[in-house]
Amino acid sequence: MLFGKHRILLLTIGVICSPGTHTAKLIVAGLIIGCVADVLLNLRMVFEEKGQPIFLVGILVFLAGHIMYLAAVLPLNQNKLICIIIGIILTALLMVWIFKRVTAKPAFKIFGVVYIGAIMMLNCVAIGNLIAEQSAFNGVFAAGAVLFLISDIVLILNTFGDEFKQSLRNTNISLYYAGQILIALSLQLLK
């Protein structure tokens, strides 16, 4: 229930702060989709026998949320090709690093590459936007995206690493909500 209250807060912040532009609507859609993904990822702990399929569906839903965020900020980007190339290179390097530290079934690895690729692309575009135009919106959105990426890396290492640690779960959740709050608050700064 605690996570549900936080998600409602994020959605409320997003809707209240939203200026109603196309970019803002896509970000709010990403927040709403993230709410559904949150529920799915937490259901895997309630229904442990169905945990893996629920986790995969949750990751797919989160991927859809990341795609909404990416669709929101990509049109603002002045250097799309450079950001995409950097995103592909960083995704490959990050996945090599992660795969050395985790054991996962092939389906999870495939989802992992696609998922990390999407969020890395989101980060590259968001940071590219900030470099091209140092606006408050770009800064807050990029900071939120970076925290989201770090939280996902922690989630992957904790879920598929040698041993689950509650401290890493707490770190994952804290970074995740901080990132989502920043993304929601960035709407207030969107012009």
C-alpha atoms as a PDB file:
ATOM      1  CA  MET A   1       0.000   0.000   0.000  1.00  0.00           C
ATOM      2  CA  LEU A   2       2.904   2.326   0.713  1.00  0.00           C
ATOM      3  CA  PHE A   3       4.054   2.136  -2.913  1.00  0.00           C
ATOM      4  CA  GLY A   4       0.526   2.859  -4.142  1.00  0.00           C
ATOM      5  CA  LYS A   5       0.375   6.063  -2.091  1.00  0.00           C
ATOM      6  CA  HIS A   6       3.708   7.204  -3.500  1.00  0.00           C
ATOM      7  CA  ARG A   7       2.553   6.483  -7.044  1.00  0.00           C
ATOM      8  CA  ILE A   8      -0.674   8.433  -6.490  1.00  0.00           C
ATOM      9  CA  LEU A   9       1.455  11.328  -5.237  1.00  0.00           C
ATOM     10  CA  LEU A  10       3.605  11.142  -8.397  1.00  0.00           C
ATOM     11  CA  LEU A  11       0.550  11.093 -10.642  1.00  0.00           C
ATOM     12  CA  THR A  12      -0.960  14.021  -8.756  1.00  0.00           C
ATOM     13  CA  ILE A  13       2.272  16.014  -9.057  1.00  0.00           C
ATOM     14  CA  GLY A  14       2.447  15.193 -12.757  1.00  0.00           C
ATOM     15  CA  VAL A  15      -1.124  16.221 -13.500  1.00  0.00           C
ATOM     16  CA  ILE A  16      -0.972  19.391 -11.388  1.00  0.00           C
ATOM     17  CA  CYS A  17       2.362  20.467 -12.877  1.00  0.00           C
ATOM     18  CA  SER A  18       1.490  19.564 -16.460  1.00  0.00           C
ATOM     19  CA  PRO A  19       1.185  22.510 -18.827  1.00  0.00           C
ATOM     20  CA  GLY A  20      -0.893  20.349 -21.198  1.00  0.00           C
ATOM     21  CA  THR A  21       1.577  20.309 -24.096  1.00  0.00           C
ATOM     22  CA  HIS A  22       2.209  17.201 -26.195  1.00  0.00           C
ATOM     23  CA  THR A  23       5.499  16.645 -24.345  1.00  0.00           C
ATOM     24  CA  ALA A  24       3.745  16.985 -20.992  1.00  0.00           C
ATOM     25  CA  LYS A  25       0.988  14.552 -21.987  1.00  0.00           C
ATOM     26  CA  LEU A  26       3.582  11.936 -22.950  1.00  0.00           C
ATOM     27  CA  ILE A  27       5.389  12.377 -19.627  1.00  0.00           C
ATOM     28  CA  VAL A  28       2.112  12.035 -17.695  1.00  0.00           C
ATOM     29  CA  ALA A  29       1.340   8.912 -19.767  1.00  0.00           C
ATOM     30  CA  GLY A  30       4.764   7.553 -18.749  1.00  0.00           C
ATOM     31  CA  LEU A  31       3.934   8.208 -15.093  1.00  0.00           C
ATOM     32  CA  ILE A  32       0.587   6.418 -15.431  1.00  0.00           C
ATOM     33  CA  ILE A  33       2.161   3.439 -17.201  1.00  0.00           C
ATOM     34  CA  GLY A  34       4.830   3.357 -14.491  1.00  0.00           C
ATOM     35  CA  CYS A  35       2.051   3.079 -11.906  1.00  0.00           C
ATOM     36  CA  VAL A  36       0.812  -0.114 -13.547  1.00  0.00           C
ATOM     37  CA  ALA A  37       4.374  -1.461 -13.775  1.00  0.00           C
ATOM     38  CA  ASP A  38       4.920  -0.712 -10.084  1.00  0.00           C
ATOM     39  CA  VAL A  39       1.925  -2.835  -9.179  1.00  0.00           C
ATOM     40  CA  LEU A  40       3.127  -5.705 -11.367  1.00  0.00           C
ATOM     41  CA  LEU A  41       6.671  -5.676  -9.989  1.00  0.00           C
ATOM     42  CA  ASN A  42       5.355  -5.737  -6.441  1.00  0.00           C
ATOM     43  CA  LEU A  43       2.824  -8.494  -7.229  1.00  0.00           C
ATOM     44  CA  ARG A  44       5.730 -10.832  -8.006  1.00  0.00           C
ATOM     45  CA  MET A  45       6.498 -10.814  -4.288  1.00  0.00           C
ATOM     46  CA  VAL A  46       2.903 -11.652  -3.398  1.00  0.00           C
ATOM     47  CA  PHE A  47       2.502 -14.418  -5.979  1.00  0.00           C
ATOM     48  CA  GLU A  48       5.962 -15.964  -5.742  1.00  0.00           C
ATOM     49  CA  GLU A  49       5.039 -19.034  -7.824  1.00  0.00           C
ATOM     50  CA  LYS A  50       4.226 -16.713 -10.743  1.00  0.00           C
ATOM     51  CA  GLY A  51       7.017 -14.267  -9.898  1.00  0.00           C
ATOM     52  CA  GLN A  52       9.087 -14.575 -13.066  1.00  0.00           C
ATOM     53  CA  PRO A  53       6.259 -14.097 -15.589  1.00  0.00           C
ATOM     54  CA  ILE A  54       4.873 -11.203 -13.532  1.00  0.00           C
ATOM     55  CA  PHE A  55       8.358  -9.654 -13.401  1.00  0.00           C
ATOM     56  CA  LEU A  56       8.739  -9.923 -17.190  1.00  0.00           C
ATOM     57  CA  VAL A  57       5.341  -8.325 -17.790  1.00  0.00           C
ATOM     58  CA  GLY A  58       6.216  -5.579 -15.291  1.00  0.00           C
ATOM     59  CA  ILE A  59       9.463  -4.896 -17.140  1.00  0.00           C
ATOM     60  CA  LEU A  60       7.586  -4.729 -20.465  1.00  0.00           C
ATOM     61  CA  VAL A  61       5.137  -2.248 -18.977  1.00  0.00           C
ATOM     62  CA  PHE A  62       8.005  -0.159 -17.565  1.00  0.00           C
ATOM     63  CA  LEU A  63       9.588  -0.292 -21.021  1.00  0.00           C
ATOM     64  CA  ALA A  64       6.397   1.232 -22.427  1.00  0.00           C
ATOM     65  CA  GLY A  65       6.680   4.012 -19.833  1.00  0.00           C
ATOM     66  CA  HIS A  66      10.294   4.673 -20.831  1.00  0.00           C
ATOM     67  CA  ILE A  67       9.215   4.817 -24.463  1.00  0.00           C
ATOM     68  CA  MET A  68       6.641   7.480 -23.503  1.00  0.00           C
ATOM     69  CA  TYR A  69       9.360   9.505 -21.765  1.00  0.00           C
ATOM     70  CA  LEU A  70      11.669   9.059 -24.753  1.00  0.00           C
ATOM     71  CA  ALA A  71       8.887  10.091 -27.149  1.00  0.00           C
ATOM     72  CA  ALA A  72       8.398  13.196 -24.995  1.00  0.00           C
ATOM     73  CA  VAL A  73      12.009  14.411 -25.028  1.00  0.00           C
ATOM     74  CA  LEU A  74      13.365  13.078 -28.344  1.00  0.00           C
ATOM     75  CA  PRO A  75      11.655  15.788 -30.453  1.00  0.00           C
ATOM     76  CA  LEU A  76      13.418  18.392 -28.285  1.00  0.00           C
ATOM     77  CA  ASN A  77      16.825  16.900 -29.141  1.00  0.00           C
ATOM     78  CA  GLN A  78      19.085  18.711 -31.593  1.00  0.00           C
ATOM     79  CA  ASN A  79      21.617  15.878 -31.974  1.00  0.00           C
ATOM     80  CA  LYS A  80      19.533  12.721 -32.312  1.00  0.00           C
ATOM     81  CA  LEU A  81      22.076  10.647 -34.252  1.00  0.00           C
ATOM     82  CA  ILE A  82      24.913  11.405 -31.830  1.00  0.00           C
ATOM     83  CA  CYS A  83      22.702  10.575 -28.835  1.00  0.00           C
ATOM     84  CA  ILE A  84      21.559   7.305 -30.433  1.00  0.00           C
ATOM     85  CA  ILE A  85      25.127   6.217 -31.260  1.00  0.00           C
ATOM     86  CA  ILE A  86      26.325   7.067 -27.746  1.00  0.00           C
ATOM     87  CA  GLY A  87      23.284   5.263 -26.304  1.00  0.00           C
ATOM     88  CA  ILE A  88      24.053   2.086 -28.270  1.00  0.00           C
ATOM     89  CA  ILE A  89      27.712   2.115 -27.216  1.00  0.00           C
ATOM     90  CA  LEU A  90      26.904   2.778 -23.542  1.00  0.00           C
ATOM     91  CA  THR A  91      24.205   0.088 -23.555  1.00  0.00           C
ATOM     92  CA  ALA A  92      26.669  -2.473 -24.917  1.00  0.00           C
ATOM     93  CA  LEU A  93      29.310  -1.545 -22.340  1.00  0.00           C
ATOM     94  CA  LEU A  94      26.810  -1.562 -19.473  1.00  0.00           C
ATOM     95  CA  MET A  95      25.325  -4.923 -20.501  1.00  0.00           C
ATOM     96  CA  VAL A  96      28.790  -6.518 -20.681  1.00  0.00           C
ATOM     97  CA  TRP A  97      29.481  -5.209 -17.173  1.00  0.00           C
ATOM     98  CA  ILE A  98      26.088  -6.376 -15.841  1.00  0.00           C
ATOM     99  CA  PHE A  99      26.248  -9.843 -17.450  1.00  0.00           C
ATOM    100  CA  LYS A 100      29.570 -10.470 -15.677  1.00  0.00           C
ATOM    101  CA  ARG A 101      27.792  -9.942 -12.354  1.00  0.00           C
ATOM    102  CA  VAL A 102      24.465 -11.726 -12.788  1.00  0.00           C
ATOM    103  CA  THR A 103      23.030 -15.052 -13.831  1.00  0.00           C
ATOM    104  CA  ALA A 104      19.748 -14.947 -15.694  1.00  0.00           C
ATOM    105  CA  LYS A 105      17.726 -17.032 -18.099  1.00  0.00           C
ATOM    106  CA  PRO A 106      17.988 -16.091 -21.794  1.00  0.00           C
ATOM    107  CA  ALA A 107      14.516 -14.478 -21.798  1.00  0.00           C
ATOM    108  CA  PHE A 108      15.546 -12.191 -18.955  1.00  0.00           C
ATOM    109  CA  LYS A 109      18.785 -11.317 -20.751  1.00  0.00           C
ATOM    110  CA  ILE A 110      16.898 -10.380 -23.924  1.00  0.00           C
ATOM    111  CA  PHE A 111      14.445  -8.245 -21.958  1.00  0.00           C
ATOM    112  CA  GLY A 112      17.379  -6.770 -20.052  1.00  0.00           C
ATOM    113  CA  VAL A 113      19.197  -5.649 -23.182  1.00  0.00           C
ATOM    114  CA  VAL A 114      16.070  -4.068 -24.687  1.00  0.00           C
ATOM    115  CA  TYR A 115      15.051  -2.472 -21.391  1.00  0.00           C
ATOM    116  CA  ILE A 116      18.491  -1.091 -20.509  1.00  0.00           C
ATOM    117  CA  GLY A 117      18.870   0.025 -24.127  1.00  0.00           C
ATOM    118  CA  ALA A 118      15.669   2.062 -23.885  1.00  0.00           C
ATOM    119  CA  ILE A 119      16.530   3.697 -20.581  1.00  0.00           C
ATOM    120  CA  MET A 120      20.116   4.356 -21.689  1.00  0.00           C
ATOM    121  CA  MET A 121      18.756   5.966 -24.863  1.00  0.00           C
ATOM    122  CA  LEU A 122      16.416   8.052 -22.704  1.00  0.00           C
ATOM    123  CA  ASN A 123      19.380   9.163 -20.589  1.00  0.00           C
ATOM    124  CA  CYS A 124      21.526  10.031 -23.610  1.00  0.00           C
ATOM    125  CA  VAL A 125      18.732  12.080 -25.165  1.00  0.00           C
ATOM    126  CA  ALA A 126      17.893  13.808 -21.859  1.00  0.00           C
ATOM    127  CA  ILE A 127      21.550  14.658 -21.183  1.00  0.00           C
ATOM    128  CA  GLY A 128      21.982  15.694 -24.828  1.00  0.00           C
ATOM    129  CA  ASN A 129      19.027  18.051 -24.406  1.00  0.00           C
ATOM    130  CA  LEU A 130      20.620  19.510 -21.278  1.00  0.00           C
ATOM    131  CA  ILE A 131      23.960  20.028 -23.028  1.00  0.00           C
ATOM    132  CA  ALA A 132      22.263  21.734 -25.993  1.00  0.00           C
ATOM    133  CA  GLU A 133      19.975  23.891 -23.840  1.00  0.00           C
ATOM    134  CA  GLN A 134      20.641  24.417 -20.155  1.00  0.00           C
ATOM    135  CA  SER A 135      17.030  24.843 -19.044  1.00  0.00           C
ATOM    136  CA  ALA A 136      15.556  23.939 -15.682  1.00  0.00           C
ATOM    137  CA  PHE A 137      13.235  21.409 -17.349  1.00  0.00           C
ATOM    138  CA  ASN A 138      16.110  19.657 -19.128  1.00  0.00           C
ATOM    139  CA  GLY A 139      18.205  19.588 -15.942  1.00  0.00           C
ATOM    140  CA  VAL A 140      15.489  18.209 -13.675  1.00  0.00           C
ATOM    141  CA  PHE A 141      14.265  15.694 -16.267  1.00  0.00           C
ATOM    142  CA  ALA A 142      17.826  14.477 -16.967  1.00  0.00           C
ATOM    143  CA  ALA A 143      18.545  14.120 -13.242  1.00  0.00           C
ATOM    144  CA  GLY A 144      15.369  12.056 -12.865  1.00  0.00           C
ATOM    145  CA  ALA A 145      16.301   9.850 -15.816  1.00  0.00           C
ATOM    146  CA  VAL A 146      19.805   9.239 -14.423  1.00  0.00           C
ATOM    147  CA  LEU A 147      18.410   8.260 -11.008  1.00  0.00           C
ATOM    148  CA  PHE A 148      15.959   5.935 -12.753  1.00  0.00           C
ATOM    149  CA  LEU A 149      18.808   4.273 -14.683  1.00  0.00           C
ATOM    150  CA  ILE A 150      20.881   3.792 -11.530  1.00  0.00           C
ATOM    151  CA  SER A 151      17.861   2.354  -9.701  1.00  0.00           C
ATOM    152  CA  ASP A 152      17.328  -0.140 -12.532  1.00  0.00           C
ATOM    153  CA  ILE A 153      20.970  -1.214 -12.445  1.00  0.00           C
ATOM    154  CA  VAL A 154      20.681  -1.788  -8.689  1.00  0.00           C
ATOM    155  CA  LEU A 155      17.428  -3.738  -9.250  1.00  0.00           C
ATOM    156  CA  ILE A 156      19.069  -5.988 -11.845  1.00  0.00           C
ATOM    157  CA  LEU A 157      22.139  -6.659  -9.709  1.00  0.00           C
ATOM    158  CA  ASN A 158      20.012  -7.365  -6.639  1.00  0.00           C
ATOM    159  CA  THR A 159      17.446  -9.531  -8.445  1.00  0.00           C
ATOM    160  CA  PHE A 160      19.838 -11.569 -10.584  1.00  0.00           C
ATOM    161  CA  GLY A 161      23.060 -11.314  -8.584  1.00  0.00           C
ATOM    162  CA  ASP A 162      24.447 -13.842  -6.133  1.00  0.00           C
ATOM    163  CA  GLU A 163      22.360 -12.768  -3.163  1.00  0.00           C
ATOM    164  CA  PHE A 164      19.282 -10.597  -2.591  1.00  0.00           C
ATOM    165  CA  LYS A 165      20.020  -7.792  -0.129  1.00  0.00           C
ATOM    166  CA  GLN A 166      17.297  -5.713   1.480  1.00  0.00           C
ATOM    167  CA  SER A 167      19.671  -2.736   1.630  1.00  0.00           C
ATOM    168  CA  LEU A 168      19.976  -2.821  -2.171  1.00  0.00           C
ATOM    169  CA  ARG A 169      16.184  -3.092  -2.474  1.00  0.00           C
ATOM    170  CA  ASN A 170      15.874   0.013  -0.298  1.00  0.00           C
ATOM    171  CA  THR A 171      18.468   1.802  -2.447  1.00  0.00           C
ATOM    172  CA  ASN A 172      16.635   0.750  -5.619  1.00  0.00           C
ATOM    173  CA  ILE A 173      13.269   1.999  -4.371  1.00  0.00           C
ATOM    174  CA  SER A 174      14.722   5.274  -3.038  1.00  0.00           C
ATOM    175  CA  LEU A 175      16.509   6.066  -6.306  1.00  0.00           C
ATOM    176  CA  TYR A 176      13.466   5.028  -8.332  1.00  0.00           C
ATOM    177  CA  TYR A 177      11.040   7.290  -6.481  1.00  0.00           C
ATOM    178  CA  ALA A 178      13.515  10.192  -6.411  1.00  0.00           C
ATOM    179  CA  GLY A 179      13.888   9.840 -10.185  1.00  0.00           C
ATOM    180  CA  GLN A 180      10.164   9.627 -10.801  1.00  0.00           C
ATOM    181  CA  ILE A 181       9.498  12.627  -8.548  1.00  0.00           C
ATOM    182  CA  LEU A 182      12.050  14.668 -10.497  1.00  0.00           C
ATOM    183  CA  ILE A 183      10.499  13.607 -13.803  1.00  0.00           C
ATOM    184  CA  ALA A 184       7.037  14.554 -12.497  1.00  0.00           C
ATOM    185  CA  LEU A 185       8.288  17.885 -11.120  1.00  0.00           C
ATOM    186  CA  SER A 186      10.048  18.670 -14.401  1.00  0.00           C
ATOM    187  CA  LEU A 187       6.601  19.243 -15.879  1.00  0.00           C
ATOM    188  CA  GLN A 188       6.278  22.417 -13.836  1.00  0.00           C
ATOM    189  CA  LEU A 189       9.403  23.729 -15.569  1.00  0.00           C
ATOM    190  CA  LEU A 190       8.323  22.798 -19.098  1.00  0.00           C
ATOM    191  CA  LYS A 191       7.622  25.766 -21.317  1.00  0.00           C
END
